[in-house]
N, C-alpha and C. Protein backbone atom coordinates (compact mmCIF):
# COMPACT_ATOMS: atom_id res chain seq x y z
N MET A 1 0.83 -1.20 -0.01
CA MET A 1 -0.02 -0.01 0.02
C MET A 1 0.86 1.23 0.03
N LYS A 2 1.96 1.23 0.82
CA LYS A 2 2.82 2.38 0.87
C LYS A 2 3.45 2.67 -0.50
N SER A 3 3.85 1.63 -1.25
CA SER A 3 4.47 1.88 -2.61
C SER A 3 3.44 2.39 -3.57
N LEU A 4 2.16 1.99 -3.41
CA LEU A 4 1.09 2.49 -4.29
C LEU A 4 0.93 4.01 -4.05
N ARG A 5 0.93 4.45 -2.79
CA ARG A 5 0.80 5.85 -2.48
C ARG A 5 2.02 6.62 -3.04
N LEU A 6 3.17 6.03 -2.85
CA LEU A 6 4.33 6.68 -3.37
C LEU A 6 4.32 6.83 -4.91
N PHE A 7 3.79 5.79 -5.58
CA PHE A 7 3.65 5.84 -6.99
C PHE A 7 2.64 6.89 -7.44
N VAL A 8 1.55 7.00 -6.75
CA VAL A 8 0.48 7.98 -7.09
C VAL A 8 1.02 9.36 -6.85
N ALA A 9 1.76 9.58 -5.76
CA ALA A 9 2.32 10.90 -5.45
C ALA A 9 3.39 11.29 -6.51
N ALA A 10 4.21 10.31 -6.91
CA ALA A 10 5.19 10.65 -7.95
C ALA A 10 4.49 10.93 -9.33
N ALA A 11 3.43 10.21 -9.65
CA ALA A 11 2.70 10.45 -10.88
C ALA A 11 2.03 11.78 -10.82
N GLY A 12 1.50 12.15 -9.68
CA GLY A 12 0.82 13.49 -9.54
C GLY A 12 1.80 14.60 -9.69
N LEU A 13 2.98 14.51 -9.05
CA LEU A 13 3.99 15.49 -9.15
C LEU A 13 4.49 15.59 -10.58
N SER A 14 4.66 14.51 -11.25
CA SER A 14 5.09 14.52 -12.70
C SER A 14 4.08 15.25 -13.51
N ALA A 15 2.80 15.00 -13.30
CA ALA A 15 1.74 15.69 -14.06
C ALA A 15 1.75 17.19 -13.83
N VAL A 16 1.96 17.57 -12.54
CA VAL A 16 1.95 19.03 -12.27
C VAL A 16 3.12 19.69 -12.90
N LEU A 17 4.28 19.04 -12.88
CA LEU A 17 5.49 19.61 -13.47
C LEU A 17 5.35 19.71 -15.02
N SER A 18 4.80 18.70 -15.65
CA SER A 18 4.66 18.74 -17.08
C SER A 18 3.62 19.77 -17.46
N VAL A 19 2.58 19.96 -16.74
CA VAL A 19 1.56 21.01 -17.08
C VAL A 19 2.18 22.36 -16.90
N SER A 20 2.96 22.59 -15.83
CA SER A 20 3.60 23.89 -15.67
C SER A 20 4.63 24.14 -16.73
N ALA A 21 5.40 23.13 -17.15
CA ALA A 21 6.37 23.32 -18.21
C ALA A 21 5.67 23.61 -19.50
N PHE A 22 4.49 22.99 -19.81
CA PHE A 22 3.73 23.23 -21.01
C PHE A 22 3.18 24.66 -20.97
N ALA A 23 2.73 25.10 -19.82
CA ALA A 23 2.16 26.51 -19.69
C ALA A 23 3.29 27.49 -19.98
N ALA A 24 4.45 27.29 -19.48
CA ALA A 24 5.57 28.24 -19.71
C ALA A 24 5.89 28.26 -21.25
N GLU A 25 5.92 26.99 -21.85
CA GLU A 25 6.29 27.00 -23.29
C GLU A 25 5.21 27.69 -24.17
N SER A 26 4.00 27.78 -23.69
CA SER A 26 2.97 28.42 -24.53
C SER A 26 2.98 29.92 -24.42
N GLU A 27 3.78 30.47 -23.51
CA GLU A 27 3.89 31.96 -23.33
C GLU A 27 4.68 32.53 -24.53
N PRO A 28 4.25 33.61 -25.10
CA PRO A 28 4.94 34.19 -26.29
C PRO A 28 6.38 34.62 -25.94
N GLY A 29 6.66 35.00 -24.72
CA GLY A 29 8.02 35.48 -24.42
C GLY A 29 8.95 34.41 -23.94
N TYR A 30 8.50 33.16 -23.94
CA TYR A 30 9.32 32.07 -23.42
C TYR A 30 10.22 31.49 -24.54
N ILE A 31 11.43 31.17 -24.20
CA ILE A 31 12.36 30.50 -25.12
C ILE A 31 12.95 29.36 -24.37
N ASP A 32 12.91 28.12 -25.00
CA ASP A 32 13.53 26.93 -24.39
C ASP A 32 14.95 26.88 -24.70
N VAL A 33 15.80 27.03 -23.71
CA VAL A 33 17.24 27.02 -23.88
C VAL A 33 17.78 25.56 -23.78
N GLY A 34 16.94 24.64 -23.24
CA GLY A 34 17.43 23.30 -23.03
C GLY A 34 18.28 23.28 -21.75
N GLN A 35 19.12 22.36 -21.60
CA GLN A 35 19.98 22.18 -20.41
C GLN A 35 21.36 22.65 -20.77
N LEU A 36 21.93 23.66 -20.03
CA LEU A 36 23.23 24.03 -20.28
C LEU A 36 24.20 23.14 -19.50
N MET A 37 25.31 22.82 -20.09
CA MET A 37 26.29 21.89 -19.50
C MET A 37 27.24 22.62 -18.47
N ALA A 38 27.28 22.02 -17.31
CA ALA A 38 28.22 22.59 -16.29
C ALA A 38 29.66 22.26 -16.70
N SER A 39 30.55 23.14 -16.28
CA SER A 39 32.00 22.88 -16.51
C SER A 39 32.52 21.87 -15.51
N ALA A 40 33.70 21.36 -15.73
CA ALA A 40 34.24 20.30 -14.91
C ALA A 40 34.46 20.83 -13.43
N LYS A 41 34.95 22.05 -13.30
CA LYS A 41 35.35 22.57 -12.02
C LYS A 41 34.67 23.91 -11.66
N GLY A 42 34.12 24.58 -12.57
CA GLY A 42 33.59 25.92 -12.32
C GLY A 42 32.16 25.91 -11.72
N ARG A 43 31.58 27.08 -11.62
CA ARG A 43 30.26 27.17 -11.04
C ARG A 43 29.18 27.02 -12.04
N PHE A 44 28.00 26.61 -11.55
CA PHE A 44 26.81 26.45 -12.36
C PHE A 44 25.63 26.99 -11.52
N VAL A 45 25.01 28.00 -12.00
CA VAL A 45 23.89 28.57 -11.27
C VAL A 45 22.64 28.55 -12.19
N GLU A 46 21.51 28.10 -11.58
CA GLU A 46 20.27 28.11 -12.27
C GLU A 46 19.20 28.57 -11.37
N VAL A 47 18.45 29.65 -11.79
CA VAL A 47 17.38 30.22 -10.97
C VAL A 47 16.15 30.18 -11.87
N ASN A 48 15.06 29.58 -11.35
CA ASN A 48 13.75 29.49 -12.06
C ASN A 48 12.76 30.05 -11.12
N LEU A 49 12.09 31.11 -11.49
CA LEU A 49 11.00 31.69 -10.68
C LEU A 49 9.72 31.54 -11.47
N SER A 50 8.74 30.88 -10.86
CA SER A 50 7.50 30.63 -11.48
C SER A 50 6.52 31.85 -11.24
N THR A 51 5.37 31.77 -11.81
CA THR A 51 4.32 32.81 -11.68
C THR A 51 3.99 32.94 -10.14
N GLY A 52 3.84 31.80 -9.52
CA GLY A 52 3.43 31.90 -8.09
C GLY A 52 4.49 32.59 -7.21
N MET A 53 5.77 32.30 -7.50
CA MET A 53 6.85 32.97 -6.74
C MET A 53 6.91 34.47 -7.04
N LEU A 54 6.68 34.80 -8.31
CA LEU A 54 6.67 36.22 -8.71
C LEU A 54 5.49 36.96 -8.11
N LYS A 55 4.37 36.36 -8.09
CA LYS A 55 3.19 37.01 -7.39
C LYS A 55 3.51 37.22 -5.94
N PHE A 56 4.13 36.24 -5.29
CA PHE A 56 4.47 36.36 -3.93
C PHE A 56 5.49 37.57 -3.70
N ALA A 57 6.52 37.63 -4.57
CA ALA A 57 7.42 38.74 -4.47
C ALA A 57 6.76 40.06 -4.67
N ALA A 58 5.83 40.13 -5.62
CA ALA A 58 5.07 41.41 -5.89
C ALA A 58 4.30 41.80 -4.64
N LYS A 59 3.77 40.88 -3.92
CA LYS A 59 2.96 41.25 -2.73
C LYS A 59 3.93 41.74 -1.63
N LEU A 60 5.13 41.11 -1.58
CA LEU A 60 6.10 41.59 -0.55
C LEU A 60 6.59 42.98 -0.77
N CYS A 61 6.70 43.39 -1.97
CA CYS A 61 7.28 44.72 -2.21
C CYS A 61 6.14 45.81 -2.54
N ALA A 62 4.88 45.39 -2.49
CA ALA A 62 3.80 46.31 -2.92
C ALA A 62 3.66 47.54 -2.05
N ARG A 63 3.98 47.47 -0.81
CA ARG A 63 3.82 48.66 0.07
C ARG A 63 4.84 49.74 -0.16
N GLN A 64 6.11 49.26 -0.31
CA GLN A 64 7.22 50.22 -0.45
C GLN A 64 7.51 50.61 -1.95
N GLU A 65 7.27 49.71 -2.81
CA GLU A 65 7.56 49.96 -4.24
C GLU A 65 6.38 49.49 -5.12
N PRO A 66 5.29 50.23 -5.10
CA PRO A 66 4.06 49.75 -5.88
C PRO A 66 4.33 49.58 -7.32
N GLU A 67 5.12 50.43 -7.98
CA GLU A 67 5.38 50.33 -9.40
C GLU A 67 6.17 49.05 -9.67
N ALA A 68 7.17 48.79 -8.85
CA ALA A 68 7.94 47.54 -9.07
C ALA A 68 7.09 46.36 -8.75
N ALA A 69 6.18 46.40 -7.83
CA ALA A 69 5.28 45.30 -7.53
C ALA A 69 4.37 45.04 -8.70
N GLU A 70 3.87 46.05 -9.34
CA GLU A 70 3.00 45.88 -10.50
C GLU A 70 3.79 45.26 -11.64
N LEU A 71 5.05 45.70 -11.91
CA LEU A 71 5.87 45.15 -12.93
C LEU A 71 6.13 43.63 -12.62
N ILE A 72 6.53 43.34 -11.44
CA ILE A 72 6.78 41.92 -11.02
C ILE A 72 5.55 41.07 -11.14
N GLY A 73 4.39 41.65 -10.72
CA GLY A 73 3.12 40.92 -10.77
C GLY A 73 2.64 40.53 -12.16
N ASN A 74 3.16 41.22 -13.15
CA ASN A 74 2.77 40.96 -14.55
C ASN A 74 3.69 39.88 -15.22
N LEU A 75 4.75 39.49 -14.46
CA LEU A 75 5.67 38.51 -15.01
C LEU A 75 5.17 37.12 -14.80
N LYS A 76 5.50 36.24 -15.68
CA LYS A 76 5.05 34.84 -15.62
C LYS A 76 6.18 33.93 -15.28
N ARG A 77 7.44 34.28 -15.64
CA ARG A 77 8.54 33.38 -15.39
C ARG A 77 9.86 34.17 -15.58
N ILE A 78 10.84 33.79 -14.72
CA ILE A 78 12.21 34.29 -14.89
C ILE A 78 13.14 33.05 -14.80
N ARG A 79 14.05 32.95 -15.77
CA ARG A 79 15.03 31.89 -15.70
C ARG A 79 16.40 32.62 -15.90
N VAL A 80 17.35 32.25 -15.03
CA VAL A 80 18.71 32.76 -15.12
C VAL A 80 19.67 31.62 -14.96
N ASN A 81 20.60 31.54 -15.92
CA ASN A 81 21.71 30.55 -15.84
C ASN A 81 23.03 31.27 -15.94
N VAL A 82 23.94 30.92 -15.09
CA VAL A 82 25.37 31.37 -15.19
C VAL A 82 26.20 30.09 -15.14
N VAL A 83 27.00 29.93 -16.22
CA VAL A 83 27.82 28.66 -16.36
C VAL A 83 29.30 29.08 -16.55
N SER A 84 30.18 28.54 -15.71
CA SER A 84 31.56 28.71 -16.01
C SER A 84 31.97 27.93 -17.20
N LEU A 85 32.84 28.53 -18.00
CA LEU A 85 33.35 27.86 -19.20
C LEU A 85 34.76 27.36 -18.99
N ASP A 86 34.98 26.14 -19.41
CA ASP A 86 36.29 25.60 -19.43
C ASP A 86 36.41 24.69 -20.74
N ASP A 87 37.48 23.92 -20.85
CA ASP A 87 37.62 23.07 -22.01
C ASP A 87 36.53 22.03 -22.18
N SER A 88 35.92 21.60 -21.04
CA SER A 88 34.94 20.59 -21.07
C SER A 88 33.54 21.03 -21.67
N ASN A 89 33.25 22.31 -21.59
CA ASN A 89 31.92 22.73 -22.04
C ASN A 89 31.91 24.00 -22.90
N ARG A 90 33.06 24.60 -23.09
CA ARG A 90 33.07 25.89 -23.85
C ARG A 90 32.50 25.81 -25.24
N LYS A 91 32.94 24.86 -26.04
CA LYS A 91 32.55 24.77 -27.44
C LYS A 91 31.02 24.47 -27.53
N GLY A 92 30.47 23.53 -26.71
CA GLY A 92 29.11 23.19 -26.71
C GLY A 92 28.22 24.32 -26.27
N THR A 93 28.59 25.03 -25.21
CA THR A 93 27.86 26.15 -24.65
C THR A 93 27.81 27.33 -25.59
N VAL A 94 28.89 27.63 -26.23
CA VAL A 94 28.95 28.77 -27.20
C VAL A 94 28.03 28.40 -28.40
N ALA A 95 28.11 27.18 -28.85
CA ALA A 95 27.26 26.73 -29.96
C ALA A 95 25.78 26.80 -29.60
N GLN A 96 25.46 26.40 -28.35
CA GLN A 96 24.10 26.38 -27.89
C GLN A 96 23.52 27.81 -27.84
N ILE A 97 24.34 28.74 -27.33
CA ILE A 97 23.82 30.14 -27.26
C ILE A 97 23.76 30.73 -28.62
N GLY A 98 24.66 30.38 -29.55
CA GLY A 98 24.60 30.87 -30.90
C GLY A 98 23.27 30.35 -31.57
N SER A 99 22.94 29.13 -31.30
CA SER A 99 21.70 28.54 -31.81
C SER A 99 20.43 29.25 -31.26
N ILE A 100 20.48 29.64 -29.98
CA ILE A 100 19.35 30.36 -29.38
C ILE A 100 19.22 31.67 -30.01
N ARG A 101 20.32 32.37 -30.26
CA ARG A 101 20.22 33.71 -30.92
C ARG A 101 19.65 33.59 -32.38
N GLU A 102 20.05 32.57 -33.06
CA GLU A 102 19.53 32.41 -34.44
C GLU A 102 18.00 32.12 -34.35
N ARG A 103 17.61 31.27 -33.39
CA ARG A 103 16.22 31.04 -33.26
C ARG A 103 15.40 32.20 -32.91
N LEU A 104 15.94 33.08 -32.03
CA LEU A 104 15.22 34.32 -31.63
C LEU A 104 14.99 35.19 -32.89
N SER A 105 16.04 35.33 -33.67
CA SER A 105 15.95 36.18 -34.84
C SER A 105 14.89 35.59 -35.87
N ALA A 106 14.98 34.24 -36.02
CA ALA A 106 14.06 33.58 -36.95
C ALA A 106 12.63 33.70 -36.48
N GLN A 107 12.40 33.78 -35.20
CA GLN A 107 11.05 33.85 -34.61
C GLN A 107 10.54 35.31 -34.51
N GLY A 108 11.26 36.26 -35.08
CA GLY A 108 10.78 37.58 -35.06
C GLY A 108 11.09 38.46 -33.84
N TRP A 109 11.98 38.00 -32.96
CA TRP A 109 12.35 38.77 -31.82
C TRP A 109 13.21 39.96 -32.28
N THR A 110 13.14 41.05 -31.66
CA THR A 110 13.92 42.27 -31.97
C THR A 110 15.24 42.22 -31.23
N GLN A 111 16.31 42.37 -31.92
CA GLN A 111 17.63 42.38 -31.26
C GLN A 111 17.89 43.85 -30.86
N MET A 112 17.80 44.19 -29.58
CA MET A 112 17.90 45.56 -29.11
C MET A 112 19.38 45.97 -28.84
N VAL A 113 20.17 45.06 -28.34
CA VAL A 113 21.54 45.38 -27.91
C VAL A 113 22.44 44.30 -28.44
N THR A 114 23.59 44.74 -29.03
CA THR A 114 24.62 43.80 -29.47
C THR A 114 25.96 44.41 -28.98
N VAL A 115 26.79 43.65 -28.33
CA VAL A 115 28.11 44.04 -27.88
C VAL A 115 29.07 42.96 -28.33
N ARG A 116 30.07 43.37 -29.07
CA ARG A 116 31.14 42.49 -29.52
C ARG A 116 32.47 43.17 -29.20
N GLU A 117 33.08 42.74 -28.15
CA GLU A 117 34.38 43.35 -27.77
C GLU A 117 35.49 42.59 -28.50
N GLN A 118 36.51 43.34 -28.92
CA GLN A 118 37.63 42.77 -29.62
C GLN A 118 38.49 41.95 -28.71
N ASP A 119 39.40 41.20 -29.30
CA ASP A 119 40.36 40.39 -28.52
C ASP A 119 39.70 39.41 -27.56
N GLY A 120 38.60 38.76 -27.97
CA GLY A 120 37.97 37.77 -27.21
C GLY A 120 37.24 38.24 -25.98
N GLY A 121 36.77 39.51 -25.99
CA GLY A 121 36.02 40.05 -24.88
C GLY A 121 34.58 39.59 -24.88
N ASP A 122 33.79 40.33 -24.19
CA ASP A 122 32.40 39.99 -24.07
C ASP A 122 31.63 39.94 -25.44
N ASN A 123 30.65 39.11 -25.48
CA ASN A 123 29.84 38.93 -26.62
C ASN A 123 28.41 38.88 -26.03
N VAL A 124 27.61 40.00 -26.26
CA VAL A 124 26.32 40.14 -25.57
C VAL A 124 25.26 40.44 -26.57
N ASP A 125 24.07 39.84 -26.46
CA ASP A 125 22.90 40.16 -27.22
C ASP A 125 21.71 40.24 -26.29
N VAL A 126 20.82 41.25 -26.57
CA VAL A 126 19.58 41.39 -25.83
C VAL A 126 18.48 41.39 -26.92
N HIS A 127 17.56 40.43 -26.80
CA HIS A 127 16.43 40.32 -27.70
C HIS A 127 15.17 40.57 -26.91
N VAL A 128 14.17 41.17 -27.59
CA VAL A 128 12.81 41.37 -26.97
C VAL A 128 11.76 40.87 -27.89
N LYS A 129 10.69 40.33 -27.33
CA LYS A 129 9.49 39.92 -28.15
C LYS A 129 8.49 41.01 -27.71
N GLN A 130 8.08 41.78 -28.70
CA GLN A 130 7.23 42.96 -28.47
C GLN A 130 5.83 42.71 -28.96
N ARG A 131 4.84 43.28 -28.26
CA ARG A 131 3.47 43.31 -28.63
C ARG A 131 2.94 44.73 -28.62
N GLY A 132 2.66 45.20 -29.80
CA GLY A 132 2.22 46.64 -29.85
C GLY A 132 3.37 47.54 -29.66
N GLU A 133 3.04 48.79 -29.32
CA GLU A 133 4.05 49.79 -29.18
C GLU A 133 4.79 49.78 -27.83
N ASP A 134 4.04 49.40 -26.77
CA ASP A 134 4.53 49.67 -25.39
C ASP A 134 4.65 48.44 -24.54
N VAL A 135 4.56 47.26 -25.09
CA VAL A 135 4.56 46.06 -24.26
C VAL A 135 5.61 45.07 -24.77
N ILE A 136 6.39 44.62 -23.86
CA ILE A 136 7.29 43.47 -24.16
C ILE A 136 6.76 42.24 -23.50
N GLU A 137 6.68 41.20 -24.26
CA GLU A 137 6.21 39.86 -23.80
C GLU A 137 7.30 38.99 -23.24
N GLY A 138 8.54 39.27 -23.74
CA GLY A 138 9.66 38.53 -23.33
C GLY A 138 10.98 39.18 -23.56
N LEU A 139 11.93 38.97 -22.79
CA LEU A 139 13.25 39.49 -22.83
C LEU A 139 14.29 38.34 -22.66
N VAL A 140 15.24 38.31 -23.59
CA VAL A 140 16.32 37.27 -23.46
C VAL A 140 17.65 38.03 -23.57
N VAL A 141 18.44 37.69 -22.59
CA VAL A 141 19.87 38.28 -22.61
C VAL A 141 20.78 37.02 -22.66
N THR A 142 21.72 37.12 -23.60
CA THR A 142 22.76 36.05 -23.72
C THR A 142 24.11 36.73 -23.66
N VAL A 143 25.04 36.16 -22.88
CA VAL A 143 26.36 36.74 -22.71
C VAL A 143 27.34 35.53 -22.87
N ILE A 144 28.37 35.78 -23.67
CA ILE A 144 29.47 34.76 -23.71
C ILE A 144 30.73 35.50 -23.45
N ASP A 145 31.39 35.14 -22.40
CA ASP A 145 32.78 35.64 -22.13
C ASP A 145 33.66 34.42 -22.35
N PRO A 146 34.28 34.33 -23.49
CA PRO A 146 35.04 33.14 -23.87
C PRO A 146 36.06 32.65 -22.86
N LYS A 147 36.53 33.60 -22.00
CA LYS A 147 37.60 33.20 -21.02
C LYS A 147 36.90 32.72 -19.68
N GLY A 148 35.62 33.14 -19.48
CA GLY A 148 35.12 32.91 -18.13
C GLY A 148 33.76 32.24 -18.01
N GLU A 149 32.69 32.81 -18.52
CA GLU A 149 31.36 32.22 -18.27
C GLU A 149 30.40 32.60 -19.36
N ALA A 150 29.27 31.87 -19.34
CA ALA A 150 28.10 32.20 -20.24
C ALA A 150 26.94 32.54 -19.31
N VAL A 151 26.10 33.42 -19.81
CA VAL A 151 24.94 33.83 -19.04
C VAL A 151 23.71 33.75 -19.96
N PHE A 152 22.61 33.22 -19.43
CA PHE A 152 21.34 33.24 -20.16
C PHE A 152 20.24 33.69 -19.28
N VAL A 153 19.47 34.69 -19.68
CA VAL A 153 18.32 35.19 -18.93
C VAL A 153 17.11 35.27 -19.83
N ASN A 154 15.98 34.73 -19.31
CA ASN A 154 14.72 34.86 -20.02
C ASN A 154 13.66 35.34 -19.06
N ILE A 155 13.11 36.52 -19.34
CA ILE A 155 12.01 37.04 -18.56
C ILE A 155 10.73 37.02 -19.39
N VAL A 156 9.71 36.34 -18.85
CA VAL A 156 8.48 36.11 -19.60
C VAL A 156 7.31 36.88 -18.91
N GLY A 157 6.49 37.59 -19.65
CA GLY A 157 5.38 38.27 -19.08
C GLY A 157 5.18 39.59 -19.76
N ASP A 158 4.15 40.29 -19.40
CA ASP A 158 3.89 41.59 -19.95
C ASP A 158 4.63 42.69 -19.19
N ILE A 159 5.54 43.36 -19.88
CA ILE A 159 6.34 44.38 -19.28
C ILE A 159 6.12 45.66 -20.14
N SER A 160 5.44 46.64 -19.56
CA SER A 160 5.17 47.88 -20.30
C SER A 160 6.33 48.83 -20.14
N ALA A 161 6.54 49.61 -21.18
CA ALA A 161 7.59 50.61 -21.13
C ALA A 161 7.42 51.59 -20.02
N ASP A 162 6.13 52.01 -19.83
CA ASP A 162 5.85 52.94 -18.76
C ASP A 162 6.20 52.41 -17.42
N GLN A 163 5.93 51.07 -17.15
CA GLN A 163 6.31 50.50 -15.90
C GLN A 163 7.82 50.46 -15.70
N ILE A 164 8.53 50.12 -16.76
CA ILE A 164 9.97 50.12 -16.65
C ILE A 164 10.54 51.47 -16.31
N ALA A 165 9.95 52.47 -16.97
CA ALA A 165 10.39 53.87 -16.78
C ALA A 165 10.13 54.31 -15.31
N LYS A 166 8.96 53.96 -14.78
CA LYS A 166 8.65 54.29 -13.40
C LYS A 166 9.62 53.59 -12.44
N VAL A 167 9.83 52.36 -12.64
CA VAL A 167 10.79 51.57 -11.72
C VAL A 167 12.20 52.21 -11.83
N ALA A 168 12.60 52.50 -13.08
CA ALA A 168 13.93 53.07 -13.31
C ALA A 168 14.05 54.41 -12.59
N GLU A 169 12.99 55.23 -12.67
CA GLU A 169 13.04 56.55 -12.00
C GLU A 169 13.13 56.36 -10.47
N ASN A 170 12.30 55.50 -9.94
CA ASN A 170 12.27 55.27 -8.43
C ASN A 170 13.58 54.70 -7.96
N LEU A 171 14.19 53.76 -8.69
CA LEU A 171 15.41 53.17 -8.27
C LEU A 171 16.60 53.75 -8.87
N ASN A 172 16.43 54.80 -9.69
CA ASN A 172 17.56 55.51 -10.31
C ASN A 172 18.47 54.59 -11.15
N ILE A 173 17.82 53.85 -11.97
CA ILE A 173 18.60 52.94 -12.90
C ILE A 173 18.62 53.58 -14.27
N GLU A 174 19.77 54.25 -14.55
CA GLU A 174 19.87 55.08 -15.82
C GLU A 174 19.61 54.36 -17.06
N PRO A 175 20.22 53.17 -17.36
CA PRO A 175 19.95 52.55 -18.61
C PRO A 175 18.47 52.19 -18.89
N LEU A 176 17.76 51.83 -17.87
CA LEU A 176 16.34 51.52 -17.99
C LEU A 176 15.46 52.73 -18.29
N LYS A 177 15.98 53.89 -17.85
CA LYS A 177 15.20 55.12 -18.15
C LYS A 177 15.04 55.37 -19.63
N LYS A 178 16.08 54.92 -20.40
CA LYS A 178 16.10 55.15 -21.85
C LYS A 178 15.46 54.04 -22.63
N LEU A 179 15.06 52.99 -21.93
CA LEU A 179 14.51 51.80 -22.69
C LEU A 179 13.21 52.12 -23.36
N ARG A 180 12.29 52.94 -22.73
CA ARG A 180 11.06 53.32 -23.31
C ARG A 180 11.22 54.01 -24.66
N MET A 181 12.20 54.90 -24.62
CA MET A 181 12.52 55.65 -25.88
C MET A 181 12.97 54.70 -27.01
N LYS A 182 13.80 53.67 -26.61
CA LYS A 182 14.33 52.77 -27.57
C LYS A 182 13.19 51.87 -28.13
N ILE A 183 12.28 51.48 -27.29
CA ILE A 183 11.16 50.66 -27.74
C ILE A 183 10.27 51.40 -28.70
N LYS A 184 9.99 52.68 -28.35
CA LYS A 184 9.18 53.53 -29.20
C LYS A 184 9.89 53.78 -30.56
N ALA A 185 11.23 54.05 -30.55
CA ALA A 185 11.99 54.25 -31.75
C ALA A 185 11.94 53.06 -32.68
N ASP A 186 12.11 51.85 -32.06
CA ASP A 186 12.10 50.64 -32.87
C ASP A 186 10.73 50.35 -33.48
N THR A 187 9.66 50.73 -32.74
CA THR A 187 8.32 50.51 -33.24
C THR A 187 8.04 51.53 -34.44
N ASP A 188 8.55 52.73 -34.29
CA ASP A 188 8.35 53.74 -35.33
C ASP A 188 9.00 53.31 -36.58
N LYS A 189 10.25 52.72 -36.52
CA LYS A 189 11.00 52.27 -37.66
C LYS A 189 10.18 51.12 -38.37
N GLY A 190 9.59 50.27 -37.54
CA GLY A 190 8.83 49.15 -38.14
C GLY A 190 7.55 49.63 -38.82
N ASP A 191 7.01 50.74 -38.36
CA ASP A 191 5.82 51.29 -38.96
C ASP A 191 6.12 51.91 -40.28
N LYS A 192 7.30 52.51 -40.43
CA LYS A 192 7.69 53.08 -41.68
C LYS A 192 8.12 52.12 -42.79
N ALA A 193 8.48 50.92 -42.33
CA ALA A 193 8.97 49.94 -43.27
C ALA A 193 7.92 49.35 -44.12
């Protein structure tokens, strides 16, 4: 009887996890990065925040930072990976991030930021999936530092340019203050094309 209960509990957990994974995959701002390979000796960090955790965080900060709480409350998922690179995983990880970037472009994401430093420095891309003029449905940041680590960030949910601007003003985050203007300029270019 005990093994039957254990089996039923495991089956139930499996069903919940697969439904939650399917729900994330159906979100327009979600991108499946797959599993990044850890290096032989370096660090490997993975953070996955679900809708429930984000709603909880929004409630925690609602009193002191209502604009930030509203922004966080509209998010559906955040995934962050930081992977040290060494000879055991460098080639595969760089290829995997390159593949993700190609897929984002093929799926109509807008590449907002590109950084290519000379002499093997940082290699950074920021892509957004936009809906209308003022809403981002997804944000993907990929960073490859060939000597040190790779970073992947995927933020899924409705992020309005006005909300970002308010949070940036309140927290004095200079680069985010200009994001609304960048989104608007990109939208205007698309309208003229």
